[in-house]
């Protein structure tokens, strides 16, 4: 599983999943904190649809953390103030960058979490679609 998909699942899903994966690494390996969880701001870049030009929409408040596992750097960045999640993301990222044996078993867990996220999203959309007005029936 690639880094973008893995991170998206861990951020959108339950924080317990990221914490569980990070604890696996913390119990077995020496994890060095390079930069403890701290807050910051990042600029959000957006592509304008008509002329396809880039511009900055504004700033987003984030929490960022950096750790090292077996000499490999891991970065965790999440929107809002969530220092524990940022730390867990950094540990998971470093473990995957180090290609540790534990990471091979994570794909099944992450795919299961992605399926749960998709089901929750579909259920939410069903609730919203119940309130949708059909303007075609109003022409009668």
N, C-alpha and C. Protein backbone atom coordinates (compact mmCIF):
# COMPACT_ATOMS: atom_id res chain seq x y z
N UNK A 1 0.86 -1.18 0.00
CA UNK A 1 0.00 0.00 0.00
C UNK A 1 0.90 1.24 0.00
N UNK A 2 0.52 2.23 -0.80
CA UNK A 2 1.37 3.41 -0.89
C UNK A 2 1.13 4.36 0.30
N UNK A 3 2.04 5.30 0.45
CA UNK A 3 2.04 6.20 1.61
C UNK A 3 0.78 7.06 1.67
N UNK A 4 0.36 7.60 0.53
CA UNK A 4 -0.81 8.49 0.50
C UNK A 4 -2.08 7.76 0.94
N UNK A 5 -2.29 6.58 0.40
CA UNK A 5 -3.50 5.82 0.75
C UNK A 5 -3.47 5.41 2.22
N UNK A 6 -2.31 4.94 2.68
CA UNK A 6 -2.17 4.52 4.09
C UNK A 6 -2.48 5.68 5.03
N UNK A 7 -1.91 6.84 4.75
CA UNK A 7 -2.12 8.01 5.60
C UNK A 7 -3.56 8.47 5.57
N UNK A 8 -4.17 8.46 4.40
CA UNK A 8 -5.57 8.87 4.29
C UNK A 8 -6.49 7.97 5.12
N UNK A 9 -6.24 6.67 5.08
CA UNK A 9 -7.04 5.73 5.87
C UNK A 9 -6.85 5.99 7.36
N UNK A 10 -5.60 6.20 7.78
CA UNK A 10 -5.33 6.42 9.21
C UNK A 10 -5.92 7.74 9.70
N UNK A 11 -5.98 8.76 8.86
CA UNK A 11 -6.53 10.05 9.27
C UNK A 11 -8.06 10.02 9.27
N UNK A 12 -8.65 9.46 8.22
CA UNK A 12 -10.12 9.43 8.12
C UNK A 12 -10.75 8.40 9.05
N UNK A 13 -10.00 7.37 9.38
CA UNK A 13 -10.52 6.29 10.21
C UNK A 13 -10.43 6.59 11.70
N UNK A 14 -10.59 5.56 12.47
CA UNK A 14 -10.52 5.68 13.92
C UNK A 14 -9.07 5.92 14.36
N UNK A 15 -8.90 6.82 15.31
CA UNK A 15 -7.56 7.10 15.83
C UNK A 15 -6.99 5.88 16.55
N UNK A 16 -7.86 4.96 16.98
CA UNK A 16 -7.40 3.75 17.65
C UNK A 16 -6.56 2.86 16.73
N UNK A 17 -6.88 2.86 15.44
CA UNK A 17 -6.12 2.03 14.49
C UNK A 17 -4.68 2.54 14.39
N UNK A 18 -4.52 3.85 14.21
CA UNK A 18 -3.17 4.43 14.14
C UNK A 18 -2.42 4.19 15.44
N UNK A 19 -3.10 4.34 16.58
CA UNK A 19 -2.48 4.12 17.87
C UNK A 19 -2.03 2.68 18.05
N UNK A 20 -2.85 1.74 17.58
CA UNK A 20 -2.52 0.32 17.71
C UNK A 20 -1.28 -0.03 16.89
N UNK A 21 -1.23 0.48 15.66
CA UNK A 21 -0.07 0.21 14.81
C UNK A 21 1.20 0.84 15.39
N UNK A 22 1.08 2.04 15.91
CA UNK A 22 2.24 2.72 16.50
C UNK A 22 2.71 1.99 17.75
N UNK A 23 1.79 1.50 18.57
CA UNK A 23 2.19 0.77 19.79
C UNK A 23 2.97 -0.50 19.45
N UNK A 24 2.60 -1.17 18.35
CA UNK A 24 3.35 -2.36 17.92
C UNK A 24 4.83 -2.02 17.72
N UNK A 25 5.08 -0.90 17.08
CA UNK A 25 6.46 -0.48 16.81
C UNK A 25 7.14 0.01 18.08
N UNK A 26 6.42 0.78 18.89
CA UNK A 26 7.01 1.34 20.12
C UNK A 26 7.45 0.25 21.08
N UNK A 27 6.75 -0.89 21.10
CA UNK A 27 7.10 -1.97 22.03
C UNK A 27 8.30 -2.78 21.55
N UNK A 28 8.58 -2.75 20.24
CA UNK A 28 9.63 -3.60 19.70
C UNK A 28 10.89 -2.87 19.26
N UNK A 29 10.79 -1.58 19.00
CA UNK A 29 11.92 -0.84 18.44
C UNK A 29 12.19 0.43 19.24
N UNK A 30 13.39 0.94 19.07
CA UNK A 30 13.76 2.20 19.70
C UNK A 30 13.30 3.34 18.79
N UNK A 31 12.37 4.13 19.28
CA UNK A 31 11.82 5.25 18.51
C UNK A 31 12.38 6.54 19.10
N UNK A 32 13.03 7.34 18.26
CA UNK A 32 13.61 8.61 18.67
C UNK A 32 12.77 9.75 18.13
N UNK A 33 12.36 10.64 19.02
CA UNK A 33 11.57 11.79 18.59
C UNK A 33 12.51 12.88 18.08
N UNK A 34 12.39 13.22 16.81
CA UNK A 34 13.19 14.26 16.19
C UNK A 34 12.56 15.62 16.47
N UNK A 35 11.26 15.70 16.29
CA UNK A 35 10.51 16.93 16.55
C UNK A 35 9.19 16.52 17.20
N UNK A 36 9.01 16.89 18.46
CA UNK A 36 7.78 16.50 19.16
C UNK A 36 6.58 17.18 18.51
N UNK A 37 5.40 16.65 18.79
CA UNK A 37 4.17 17.19 18.21
C UNK A 37 4.04 18.67 18.52
N UNK A 38 3.95 19.48 17.47
CA UNK A 38 3.76 20.91 17.66
C UNK A 38 2.79 21.44 16.60
N UNK A 39 2.23 22.59 16.88
CA UNK A 39 1.23 23.17 16.00
C UNK A 39 1.89 24.09 14.98
N UNK A 40 1.21 24.24 13.86
CA UNK A 40 1.71 25.11 12.81
C UNK A 40 0.60 25.45 11.83
N UNK A 41 0.98 26.19 10.84
CA UNK A 41 0.04 26.58 9.79
C UNK A 41 0.66 26.22 8.44
N UNK A 42 -0.16 25.75 7.51
CA UNK A 42 0.30 25.50 6.15
C UNK A 42 -0.65 26.18 5.17
N UNK A 43 -0.10 26.60 4.05
CA UNK A 43 -0.91 27.22 3.01
C UNK A 43 -1.58 26.13 2.17
N UNK A 44 -2.85 26.35 1.84
CA UNK A 44 -3.60 25.40 1.02
C UNK A 44 -3.56 25.88 -0.43
N UNK A 45 -2.97 25.07 -1.29
CA UNK A 45 -2.85 25.42 -2.71
C UNK A 45 -4.02 24.78 -3.45
N UNK A 46 -4.68 25.57 -4.31
CA UNK A 46 -5.84 25.11 -5.07
C UNK A 46 -5.64 25.47 -6.53
N UNK A 47 -6.14 24.60 -7.42
CA UNK A 47 -6.08 24.90 -8.85
C UNK A 47 -7.44 25.43 -9.28
N UNK A 48 -7.43 26.63 -9.85
CA UNK A 48 -8.64 27.27 -10.35
C UNK A 48 -9.07 26.54 -11.62
N UNK A 49 -10.36 26.21 -11.75
CA UNK A 49 -10.81 25.32 -12.81
C UNK A 49 -10.86 25.95 -14.20
N UNK A 50 -11.17 27.23 -14.32
CA UNK A 50 -11.32 27.84 -15.64
C UNK A 50 -9.99 28.01 -16.37
N UNK A 51 -9.02 28.65 -15.72
CA UNK A 51 -7.73 28.90 -16.35
C UNK A 51 -6.65 27.91 -15.91
N UNK A 52 -7.00 27.01 -15.00
CA UNK A 52 -6.09 25.98 -14.50
C UNK A 52 -4.86 26.58 -13.82
N UNK A 53 -5.00 27.76 -13.23
CA UNK A 53 -3.89 28.39 -12.53
C UNK A 53 -3.96 28.06 -11.04
N UNK A 54 -2.78 28.05 -10.39
CA UNK A 54 -2.69 27.76 -8.96
C UNK A 54 -2.79 29.04 -8.15
N UNK A 55 -3.45 28.94 -7.00
CA UNK A 55 -3.45 30.05 -6.06
C UNK A 55 -3.60 29.49 -4.66
N UNK A 56 -3.28 30.31 -3.65
CA UNK A 56 -3.37 29.89 -2.26
C UNK A 56 -4.72 30.32 -1.69
N UNK A 57 -5.49 29.34 -1.25
CA UNK A 57 -6.82 29.58 -0.71
C UNK A 57 -6.77 30.19 0.68
N UNK A 58 -5.81 29.76 1.47
CA UNK A 58 -5.67 30.26 2.84
C UNK A 58 -4.78 29.34 3.64
N UNK A 59 -4.84 29.48 4.96
CA UNK A 59 -4.02 28.68 5.85
C UNK A 59 -4.87 27.67 6.61
N UNK A 60 -4.24 26.54 6.96
CA UNK A 60 -4.89 25.50 7.74
C UNK A 60 -4.03 25.23 8.97
N UNK A 61 -4.67 25.11 10.12
CA UNK A 61 -4.01 24.79 11.39
C UNK A 61 -3.71 23.30 11.41
N UNK A 62 -2.45 22.93 11.68
CA UNK A 62 -2.06 21.52 11.70
C UNK A 62 -1.25 21.18 12.95
N UNK A 63 -1.11 19.88 13.19
CA UNK A 63 -0.19 19.36 14.19
C UNK A 63 0.80 18.47 13.44
N UNK A 64 2.09 18.66 13.71
CA UNK A 64 3.14 17.95 12.98
C UNK A 64 4.10 17.29 13.96
N UNK A 65 4.63 16.13 13.57
CA UNK A 65 5.58 15.40 14.41
C UNK A 65 6.56 14.64 13.51
N UNK A 66 7.81 14.49 13.98
CA UNK A 66 8.82 13.73 13.24
C UNK A 66 9.53 12.79 14.20
N UNK A 67 9.70 11.54 13.77
CA UNK A 67 10.39 10.53 14.58
C UNK A 67 11.34 9.72 13.69
N UNK A 68 12.25 9.00 14.36
CA UNK A 68 13.17 8.10 13.66
C UNK A 68 13.01 6.70 14.23
N UNK A 69 12.94 5.72 13.34
CA UNK A 69 12.91 4.31 13.72
C UNK A 69 13.97 3.61 12.87
N UNK A 70 14.94 3.00 13.52
CA UNK A 70 16.03 2.31 12.82
C UNK A 70 16.69 3.19 11.77
N UNK A 71 16.87 4.46 12.08
CA UNK A 71 17.54 5.37 11.17
C UNK A 71 16.69 5.90 10.02
N UNK A 72 15.39 5.61 10.04
CA UNK A 72 14.48 6.08 8.99
C UNK A 72 13.52 7.10 9.57
N UNK A 73 13.37 8.21 8.85
CA UNK A 73 12.52 9.31 9.29
C UNK A 73 11.05 9.04 8.97
N UNK A 74 10.18 9.44 9.90
CA UNK A 74 8.75 9.36 9.68
C UNK A 74 8.12 10.69 10.04
N UNK A 75 7.17 11.13 9.23
CA UNK A 75 6.50 12.41 9.45
C UNK A 75 5.01 12.16 9.62
N UNK A 76 4.44 12.81 10.64
CA UNK A 76 3.00 12.75 10.86
C UNK A 76 2.44 14.16 10.87
N UNK A 77 1.45 14.39 10.03
CA UNK A 77 0.85 15.71 9.93
C UNK A 77 -0.66 15.54 9.82
N UNK A 78 -1.39 16.25 10.69
CA UNK A 78 -2.85 16.13 10.70
C UNK A 78 -3.48 17.50 10.94
N UNK A 79 -4.64 17.72 10.34
CA UNK A 79 -5.34 18.99 10.49
C UNK A 79 -5.91 19.09 11.91
N UNK A 80 -5.78 20.28 12.50
CA UNK A 80 -6.30 20.51 13.85
C UNK A 80 -5.25 20.22 14.91
N UNK A 81 -5.71 20.22 16.17
CA UNK A 81 -4.81 19.96 17.30
C UNK A 81 -4.99 18.52 17.75
N UNK A 82 -4.17 17.62 17.21
CA UNK A 82 -4.23 16.20 17.56
C UNK A 82 -2.81 15.66 17.71
N UNK A 83 -2.15 15.98 18.82
CA UNK A 83 -0.74 15.57 18.97
C UNK A 83 -0.53 14.06 19.02
N UNK A 84 -1.45 13.31 19.62
CA UNK A 84 -1.29 11.85 19.71
C UNK A 84 -1.39 11.22 18.33
N UNK A 85 -2.36 11.67 17.54
CA UNK A 85 -2.52 11.12 16.19
C UNK A 85 -1.32 11.48 15.32
N UNK A 86 -0.81 12.70 15.41
CA UNK A 86 0.36 13.10 14.63
C UNK A 86 1.56 12.22 15.00
N UNK A 87 1.74 11.94 16.28
CA UNK A 87 2.85 11.08 16.72
C UNK A 87 2.68 9.66 16.19
N UNK A 88 1.47 9.13 16.28
CA UNK A 88 1.20 7.78 15.78
C UNK A 88 1.45 7.70 14.28
N UNK A 89 1.01 8.71 13.54
CA UNK A 89 1.24 8.74 12.09
C UNK A 89 2.73 8.77 11.76
N UNK A 90 3.49 9.52 12.54
CA UNK A 90 4.93 9.60 12.32
C UNK A 90 5.60 8.26 12.57
N UNK A 91 5.20 7.58 13.63
CA UNK A 91 5.77 6.26 13.95
C UNK A 91 5.44 5.25 12.85
N UNK A 92 4.20 5.24 12.40
CA UNK A 92 3.79 4.32 11.33
C UNK A 92 4.54 4.63 10.05
N UNK A 93 4.68 5.91 9.73
CA UNK A 93 5.41 6.31 8.52
C UNK A 93 6.87 5.88 8.59
N UNK A 94 7.50 6.08 9.73
CA UNK A 94 8.90 5.68 9.89
C UNK A 94 9.05 4.17 9.79
N UNK A 95 8.12 3.43 10.36
CA UNK A 95 8.17 1.96 10.29
C UNK A 95 8.04 1.48 8.85
N UNK A 96 7.17 2.11 8.09
CA UNK A 96 7.00 1.73 6.68
C UNK A 96 8.23 2.14 5.87
N UNK A 97 8.81 3.29 6.16
CA UNK A 97 10.03 3.72 5.47
C UNK A 97 11.20 2.78 5.77
N UNK A 98 11.22 2.23 6.99
CA UNK A 98 12.27 1.30 7.38
C UNK A 98 11.98 -0.12 6.88
N UNK A 99 10.79 -0.32 6.32
CA UNK A 99 10.36 -1.62 5.80
C UNK A 99 10.47 -2.72 6.86
N UNK A 100 9.94 -2.42 8.03
CA UNK A 100 9.97 -3.38 9.14
C UNK A 100 9.02 -4.55 8.86
N UNK A 101 9.31 -5.74 9.39
CA UNK A 101 8.48 -6.92 9.12
C UNK A 101 7.02 -6.75 9.57
N UNK A 102 6.78 -5.98 10.61
CA UNK A 102 5.41 -5.79 11.12
C UNK A 102 4.52 -5.09 10.10
N UNK A 103 5.11 -4.28 9.25
CA UNK A 103 4.32 -3.49 8.30
C UNK A 103 3.68 -4.36 7.23
N UNK A 104 4.21 -5.53 6.99
CA UNK A 104 3.65 -6.42 5.97
C UNK A 104 2.23 -6.88 6.34
N UNK A 105 1.97 -7.00 7.64
CA UNK A 105 0.66 -7.48 8.10
C UNK A 105 -0.37 -6.36 8.20
N UNK A 106 0.04 -5.12 8.05
CA UNK A 106 -0.87 -3.99 8.25
C UNK A 106 -1.85 -3.78 7.10
N UNK A 107 -1.50 -4.25 5.91
CA UNK A 107 -2.37 -4.01 4.76
C UNK A 107 -3.78 -4.55 4.97
N UNK A 108 -3.89 -5.72 5.56
CA UNK A 108 -5.21 -6.32 5.80
C UNK A 108 -6.02 -5.45 6.77
N UNK A 109 -5.39 -5.02 7.83
CA UNK A 109 -6.05 -4.17 8.82
C UNK A 109 -6.47 -2.83 8.21
N UNK A 110 -5.59 -2.26 7.41
CA UNK A 110 -5.89 -0.97 6.78
C UNK A 110 -7.00 -1.09 5.74
N UNK A 111 -7.02 -2.16 4.99
CA UNK A 111 -8.10 -2.37 4.02
C UNK A 111 -9.45 -2.58 4.72
N UNK A 112 -9.42 -3.26 5.84
CA UNK A 112 -10.64 -3.45 6.62
C UNK A 112 -11.16 -2.10 7.15
N UNK A 113 -10.25 -1.26 7.60
CA UNK A 113 -10.62 0.07 8.09
C UNK A 113 -11.15 0.93 6.94
N UNK A 114 -10.55 0.81 5.77
CA UNK A 114 -11.03 1.56 4.61
C UNK A 114 -12.45 1.13 4.24
N UNK A 115 -12.72 -0.14 4.32
CA UNK A 115 -14.06 -0.64 4.05
C UNK A 115 -15.07 -0.09 5.06
N UNK A 116 -14.68 -0.03 6.33
CA UNK A 116 -15.56 0.52 7.36
C UNK A 116 -15.83 2.00 7.10
N UNK A 117 -14.80 2.74 6.69
CA UNK A 117 -14.95 4.17 6.38
C UNK A 117 -15.93 4.34 5.22
N UNK A 118 -15.76 3.52 4.17
CA UNK A 118 -16.64 3.61 3.00
C UNK A 118 -18.09 3.28 3.35
N UNK A 119 -18.30 2.30 4.22
CA UNK A 119 -19.66 1.95 4.64
C UNK A 119 -20.29 3.09 5.44
N UNK A 120 -19.52 3.71 6.32
CA UNK A 120 -20.04 4.83 7.10
C UNK A 120 -20.38 6.01 6.20
N UNK A 121 -19.56 6.24 5.19
CA UNK A 121 -19.81 7.32 4.24
C UNK A 121 -21.08 7.04 3.43
N UNK A 122 -21.24 5.81 2.97
CA UNK A 122 -22.43 5.43 2.21
C UNK A 122 -23.70 5.58 3.05
N UNK A 123 -23.63 5.19 4.33
CA UNK A 123 -24.79 5.34 5.22
C UNK A 123 -25.12 6.81 5.42
N UNK A 124 -24.09 7.64 5.56
CA UNK A 124 -24.30 9.08 5.72
C UNK A 124 -24.94 9.67 4.46
N UNK A 125 -24.48 9.25 3.30
CA UNK A 125 -25.05 9.75 2.04
C UNK A 125 -26.51 9.31 1.88
N UNK A 126 -26.83 8.11 2.33
CA UNK A 126 -28.22 7.64 2.26
C UNK A 126 -29.14 8.54 3.09
N UNK A 127 -28.69 8.95 4.26
CA UNK A 127 -29.48 9.86 5.11
C UNK A 127 -29.68 11.19 4.41
N UNK A 128 -28.64 11.69 3.78
CA UNK A 128 -28.72 12.98 3.09
C UNK A 128 -29.64 12.89 1.88
N UNK A 129 -29.51 11.80 1.12
CA UNK A 129 -30.30 11.66 -0.11
C UNK A 129 -31.79 11.51 0.16
N UNK A 130 -32.16 11.10 1.36
CA UNK A 130 -33.58 11.00 1.72
C UNK A 130 -34.25 12.38 1.72
N UNK A 131 -33.46 13.41 1.97
CA UNK A 131 -34.01 14.77 2.04
C UNK A 131 -33.91 15.51 0.71
N UNK A 132 -33.39 14.86 -0.31
CA UNK A 132 -33.20 15.51 -1.62
C UNK A 132 -34.55 15.76 -2.28
N UNK A 133 -34.70 16.95 -2.82
CA UNK A 133 -35.94 17.33 -3.49
C UNK A 133 -35.80 17.05 -4.98
N UNK A 134 -36.81 16.40 -5.56
CA UNK A 134 -36.82 16.16 -6.99
C UNK A 134 -37.64 17.24 -7.67
N UNK A 135 -36.98 18.11 -8.39
CA UNK A 135 -37.65 19.23 -9.03
C UNK A 135 -38.46 18.81 -10.26
N UNK A 136 -38.20 17.60 -10.78
CA UNK A 136 -38.96 17.11 -11.93
C UNK A 136 -40.42 16.92 -11.58
N UNK A 137 -40.73 16.49 -10.37
CA UNK A 137 -42.12 16.26 -9.98
C UNK A 137 -42.85 17.55 -9.69
N UNK A 138 -42.13 18.66 -9.57
CA UNK A 138 -42.78 19.93 -9.27
C UNK A 138 -43.36 20.60 -10.52
N UNK A 139 -43.02 20.11 -11.72
CA UNK A 139 -43.51 20.71 -12.97
C UNK A 139 -44.97 20.36 -13.25
N UNK A 140 -45.52 19.39 -12.61
CA UNK A 140 -46.89 18.90 -12.88
C UNK A 140 -47.92 19.94 -12.54
